[in-house]
Amino acid sequence: IQKLISETAHQMRTPLANMETYLELLKEGDPDREMAGRAMEALEESRRKLAFLAENFIKMSRLEQGLIQIRKEEKNILDTVRNAFGQIQNQAEEKQIDFEIHFPEKAECSHDSNWMGEAIYNLLDNAVKYSPVGGRIRVSVLENEMFLKIQVEDQGIGIDPGEEPEIFRRFYRGRRVKSQEGFGIGLYLSREIVDRHGGFLTAKRQDPGLLMEISLPR
């Protein structure tokens, strides 16, 4: 509990400090329209970050405490993957990302479409975030006798050797992503969700990029 409180406070400190700075700026006098506009944009961005952190802290806590039940149904998981694509579309278009899709006609799998959709979205979000402008991301759904696999392979900045298990730790940020915005929550949540489906989530270094793979039992 002490560690979680410390990590939470650390993550919230920056957006709170930014809000205090711009609120003081607005209080000091009558700023011109341009300055006021920049201050309001900064305040809104900090508010968004705090809302994101609060929402994800609640999800993490509920998952870890077993307060959220995974309700699995036999469904076509391709629909779940496509819904995750819909959520990432705007970010991908802004960076001119090209997706290479490899799907079978149908892929039935027992899963909770809401929670699994969140896990897949987190993988797509990371792939887009850490890919260069105009990059390519390969998304595949594969099946064998034991597992259904969802692969997200990018050509982005990747990770350093030995970081494969580390990137799934709560609040961990890779050594190559210090200049990128993020909180180190998405992959942790994704692995928790996949684990509660009886599957596993792995990362494999590429040259360049990273291959993330969800394996779910058939």
Protein backbone atom coordinates (compact mmCIF):
# COMPACT_ATOMS: atom_id res chain seq x y z
CA ILE A 1 0.00 0.00 0.00
CA GLN A 2 2.84 2.39 0.86
CA LYS A 3 4.51 1.70 -2.48
CA LEU A 4 1.26 2.29 -4.41
CA ILE A 5 0.63 5.57 -2.56
CA SER A 6 4.17 6.72 -3.32
CA GLU A 7 3.91 5.77 -7.01
CA THR A 8 0.50 7.42 -7.32
CA ALA A 9 1.70 10.67 -5.74
CA HIS A 10 4.73 10.70 -8.03
CA GLN A 11 2.59 10.30 -11.14
CA MET A 12 0.16 13.05 -10.08
CA ARG A 13 2.82 15.55 -9.05
CA THR A 14 3.68 16.86 -12.53
CA PRO A 15 0.14 17.68 -13.77
CA LEU A 16 -0.71 19.24 -10.40
CA ALA A 17 2.44 21.39 -10.51
CA ASN A 18 1.58 22.51 -14.03
CA MET A 19 -1.93 23.49 -12.95
CA GLU A 20 -0.57 25.51 -10.03
CA THR A 21 1.89 27.34 -12.30
CA TYR A 22 -0.72 28.42 -14.83
CA LEU A 23 -3.32 29.27 -12.19
CA GLU A 24 -0.80 31.61 -10.54
CA LEU A 25 -0.07 33.15 -13.93
CA LEU A 26 -3.75 33.87 -14.47
CA LYS A 27 -4.13 35.30 -10.95
CA GLU A 28 -1.22 37.72 -11.28
CA GLY A 29 -2.94 40.06 -13.67
CA ASP A 30 -4.94 40.45 -16.83
CA PRO A 31 -3.11 38.28 -19.40
CA ASP A 32 -3.48 38.97 -23.08
CA ARG A 33 -5.71 36.71 -25.16
CA GLU A 34 -2.84 34.59 -26.48
CA MET A 35 -1.34 33.99 -23.04
CA ALA A 36 -4.75 33.19 -21.56
CA GLY A 37 -5.40 30.75 -24.38
CA ARG A 38 -2.12 28.92 -23.77
CA ALA A 39 -2.82 28.79 -20.04
CA MET A 40 -6.28 27.32 -20.58
CA GLU A 41 -4.90 24.70 -22.96
CA ALA A 42 -2.24 23.72 -20.40
CA LEU A 43 -4.83 23.51 -17.62
CA GLU A 44 -7.09 21.34 -19.76
CA GLU A 45 -4.19 19.02 -20.61
CA SER A 46 -3.30 18.64 -16.93
CA ARG A 47 -6.94 17.99 -16.07
CA ARG A 48 -7.06 15.29 -18.76
CA LYS A 49 -3.94 13.62 -17.38
CA LEU A 50 -5.30 13.59 -13.83
CA ALA A 51 -8.62 12.14 -15.03
CA PHE A 52 -6.72 9.46 -16.98
CA LEU A 53 -4.60 8.58 -13.95
CA ALA A 54 -7.59 8.43 -11.59
CA GLU A 55 -9.56 6.19 -13.96
CA ASN A 56 -6.64 3.80 -14.44
CA PHE A 57 -5.79 3.70 -10.73
CA ILE A 58 -9.37 2.56 -10.10
CA LYS A 59 -9.09 -0.13 -12.80
CA MET A 60 -5.78 -1.38 -11.40
CA SER A 61 -7.13 -1.50 -7.85
CA ARG A 62 -10.29 -3.35 -8.84
CA LEU A 63 -8.40 -5.88 -10.95
CA GLU A 64 -5.83 -6.52 -8.23
CA GLN A 65 -8.52 -6.87 -5.54
CA GLY A 66 -10.62 -9.18 -7.71
CA LEU A 67 -13.54 -6.75 -7.59
CA ILE A 68 -14.01 -6.91 -11.36
CA GLN A 69 -15.13 -10.20 -12.86
CA ILE A 70 -14.11 -11.19 -16.35
CA ARG A 71 -17.27 -12.39 -18.07
CA LYS A 72 -16.14 -14.51 -20.97
CA GLU A 73 -18.36 -15.39 -23.91
CA GLU A 74 -17.60 -17.34 -27.06
CA LYS A 75 -17.40 -14.55 -29.65
CA ASN A 76 -15.63 -13.59 -32.84
CA ILE A 77 -12.55 -11.83 -31.44
CA LEU A 78 -12.02 -10.03 -34.76
CA ASP A 79 -14.93 -7.73 -33.79
CA THR A 80 -13.11 -6.90 -30.54
CA VAL A 81 -9.90 -6.12 -32.42
CA ARG A 82 -11.75 -3.92 -34.95
CA ASN A 83 -13.39 -1.94 -32.12
CA ALA A 84 -9.91 -1.30 -30.66
CA PHE A 85 -8.81 -0.06 -34.09
CA GLY A 86 -11.69 2.42 -34.05
CA GLN A 87 -10.41 3.93 -30.80
CA ILE A 88 -6.87 4.41 -32.12
CA GLN A 89 -7.82 5.67 -35.58
CA ASN A 90 -7.40 9.40 -34.92
CA GLN A 91 -3.93 9.07 -33.38
CA ALA A 92 -2.83 6.80 -36.22
CA GLU A 93 -4.08 9.20 -38.89
CA GLU A 94 -2.28 12.14 -37.25
CA LYS A 95 1.02 10.23 -37.56
CA GLN A 96 0.17 8.82 -41.01
CA ILE A 97 0.57 5.28 -39.72
CA ASP A 98 0.00 2.47 -42.22
CA PHE A 99 -1.56 -0.72 -40.81
CA GLU A 100 -0.84 -4.10 -42.36
CA ILE A 101 -3.68 -6.44 -41.35
CA HIS A 102 -3.60 -10.25 -41.41
CA PHE A 103 -6.91 -11.72 -40.21
CA PRO A 104 -8.67 -15.02 -40.85
CA GLU A 105 -12.30 -14.88 -41.96
CA LYS A 106 -13.46 -15.67 -38.43
CA ALA A 107 -11.78 -16.38 -35.08
CA GLU A 108 -14.00 -17.59 -32.25
CA CYS A 109 -12.57 -17.28 -28.75
CA SER A 110 -13.98 -17.16 -25.22
CA HIS A 111 -13.29 -13.65 -23.92
CA ASP A 112 -14.75 -10.56 -22.28
CA SER A 113 -14.94 -8.20 -25.26
CA ASN A 114 -14.85 -5.01 -23.15
CA TRP A 115 -11.77 -5.90 -21.10
CA MET A 116 -9.94 -7.69 -23.90
CA GLY A 117 -10.68 -4.71 -26.14
CA GLU A 118 -8.93 -2.49 -23.60
CA ALA A 119 -5.88 -4.78 -23.55
CA ILE A 120 -5.65 -4.73 -27.36
CA TYR A 121 -6.16 -0.96 -27.48
CA ASN A 122 -3.23 -0.46 -25.08
CA LEU A 123 -0.96 -2.46 -27.39
CA LEU A 124 -2.10 -0.48 -30.44
CA ASP A 125 -1.74 2.80 -28.54
CA ASN A 126 1.87 2.00 -27.61
CA ALA A 127 2.68 0.90 -31.15
CA VAL A 128 1.34 4.16 -32.61
CA LYS A 129 2.91 6.33 -29.90
CA TYR A 130 6.42 4.93 -30.36
CA SER A 131 6.36 4.57 -34.15
CA PRO A 132 7.87 7.24 -36.41
CA VAL A 133 5.63 9.44 -38.56
CA GLY A 134 4.66 7.45 -41.63
CA GLY A 135 5.54 4.18 -39.91
CA ARG A 136 4.01 0.75 -40.46
CA ILE A 137 2.31 -1.49 -37.87
CA ARG A 138 1.50 -5.13 -38.58
CA VAL A 139 -1.52 -6.63 -36.75
CA SER A 140 -2.17 -10.36 -37.07
CA VAL A 141 -4.65 -12.86 -35.62
CA LEU A 142 -3.36 -16.45 -35.76
CA GLU A 143 -4.70 -19.79 -34.54
CA ASN A 144 -3.24 -23.17 -33.70
CA GLU A 145 -4.58 -26.19 -31.80
CA MET A 146 -3.99 -24.66 -28.36
CA PHE A 147 -3.98 -20.88 -28.69
CA LEU A 148 -5.45 -17.91 -30.49
CA LYS A 149 -2.75 -15.27 -30.89
CA ILE A 150 -3.07 -11.52 -31.45
CA GLN A 151 0.18 -9.91 -32.60
CA VAL A 152 1.00 -6.19 -32.81
CA GLU A 153 4.36 -5.56 -34.45
CA ASP A 154 5.77 -2.06 -34.92
CA GLN A 155 8.97 -0.57 -36.31
CA GLY A 156 9.36 2.04 -33.59
CA ILE A 157 11.99 2.84 -31.00
CA GLY A 158 11.75 -0.58 -29.31
CA ILE A 159 13.28 -1.50 -25.96
CA ASP A 160 16.76 -2.28 -24.64
CA PRO A 161 18.00 -5.86 -24.12
CA GLY A 162 16.70 -7.30 -20.85
CA GLU A 163 13.70 -4.97 -20.62
CA GLU A 164 11.19 -7.55 -21.92
CA PRO A 165 9.88 -8.51 -18.45
CA GLU A 166 10.34 -5.02 -17.01
CA ILE A 167 7.91 -3.20 -19.34
CA PHE A 168 4.95 -4.99 -17.72
CA ARG A 169 5.70 -3.58 -14.25
CA ARG A 170 3.30 -0.98 -12.93
CA PHE A 171 4.52 2.56 -13.79
CA TYR A 172 7.67 1.25 -15.50
CA ARG A 173 8.90 3.36 -18.43
CA GLY A 174 11.48 2.03 -20.85
CA ARG A 175 14.88 3.66 -21.04
CA ARG A 176 14.24 4.74 -24.64
CA VAL A 177 10.91 6.47 -24.00
CA LYS A 178 11.86 9.12 -21.44
CA SER A 179 11.09 11.92 -23.91
CA GLN A 180 7.68 10.42 -24.78
CA GLU A 181 4.52 11.15 -22.85
CA GLY A 182 3.17 8.26 -20.82
CA PHE A 183 2.58 6.81 -17.36
CA GLY A 184 3.66 3.16 -17.60
CA ILE A 185 0.15 1.85 -16.94
CA GLY A 186 -1.11 0.42 -20.24
CA LEU A 187 1.05 -2.71 -20.54
CA TYR A 188 0.61 -3.50 -16.86
CA LEU A 189 -3.18 -3.40 -17.24
CA SER A 190 -3.06 -5.39 -20.47
CA ARG A 191 -1.08 -8.20 -18.88
CA GLU A 192 -3.45 -8.29 -15.88
CA ILE A 193 -6.44 -8.55 -18.22
CA VAL A 194 -4.88 -11.27 -20.37
CA ASP A 195 -3.79 -13.18 -17.25
CA ARG A 196 -7.37 -13.20 -15.99
CA HIS A 197 -8.43 -14.73 -19.30
CA GLY A 198 -6.06 -17.63 -18.64
CA GLY A 199 -3.65 -16.41 -21.31
CA PHE A 200 -0.32 -14.62 -21.42
CA LEU A 201 1.17 -11.47 -22.94
CA THR A 202 4.77 -11.38 -24.16
CA ALA A 203 7.15 -8.86 -25.72
CA LYS A 204 9.92 -9.62 -28.20
CA ARG A 205 12.57 -7.17 -29.35
CA GLN A 206 12.73 -6.55 -33.10
CA ASP A 207 15.26 -4.70 -35.26
CA PRO A 208 13.71 -2.18 -35.33
CA GLY A 209 10.64 -2.12 -33.10
CA LEU A 210 8.74 -4.48 -30.85
CA LEU A 211 6.44 -7.49 -31.24
CA MET A 212 3.68 -7.81 -28.63
CA GLU A 213 1.73 -11.07 -28.58
CA ILE A 214 -1.44 -12.02 -26.70
CA SER A 215 -2.00 -15.79 -26.45
CA LEU A 216 -5.47 -16.94 -25.39
CA PRO A 217 -6.43 -20.59 -24.79
CA ARG A 218 -8.70 -22.14 -27.42
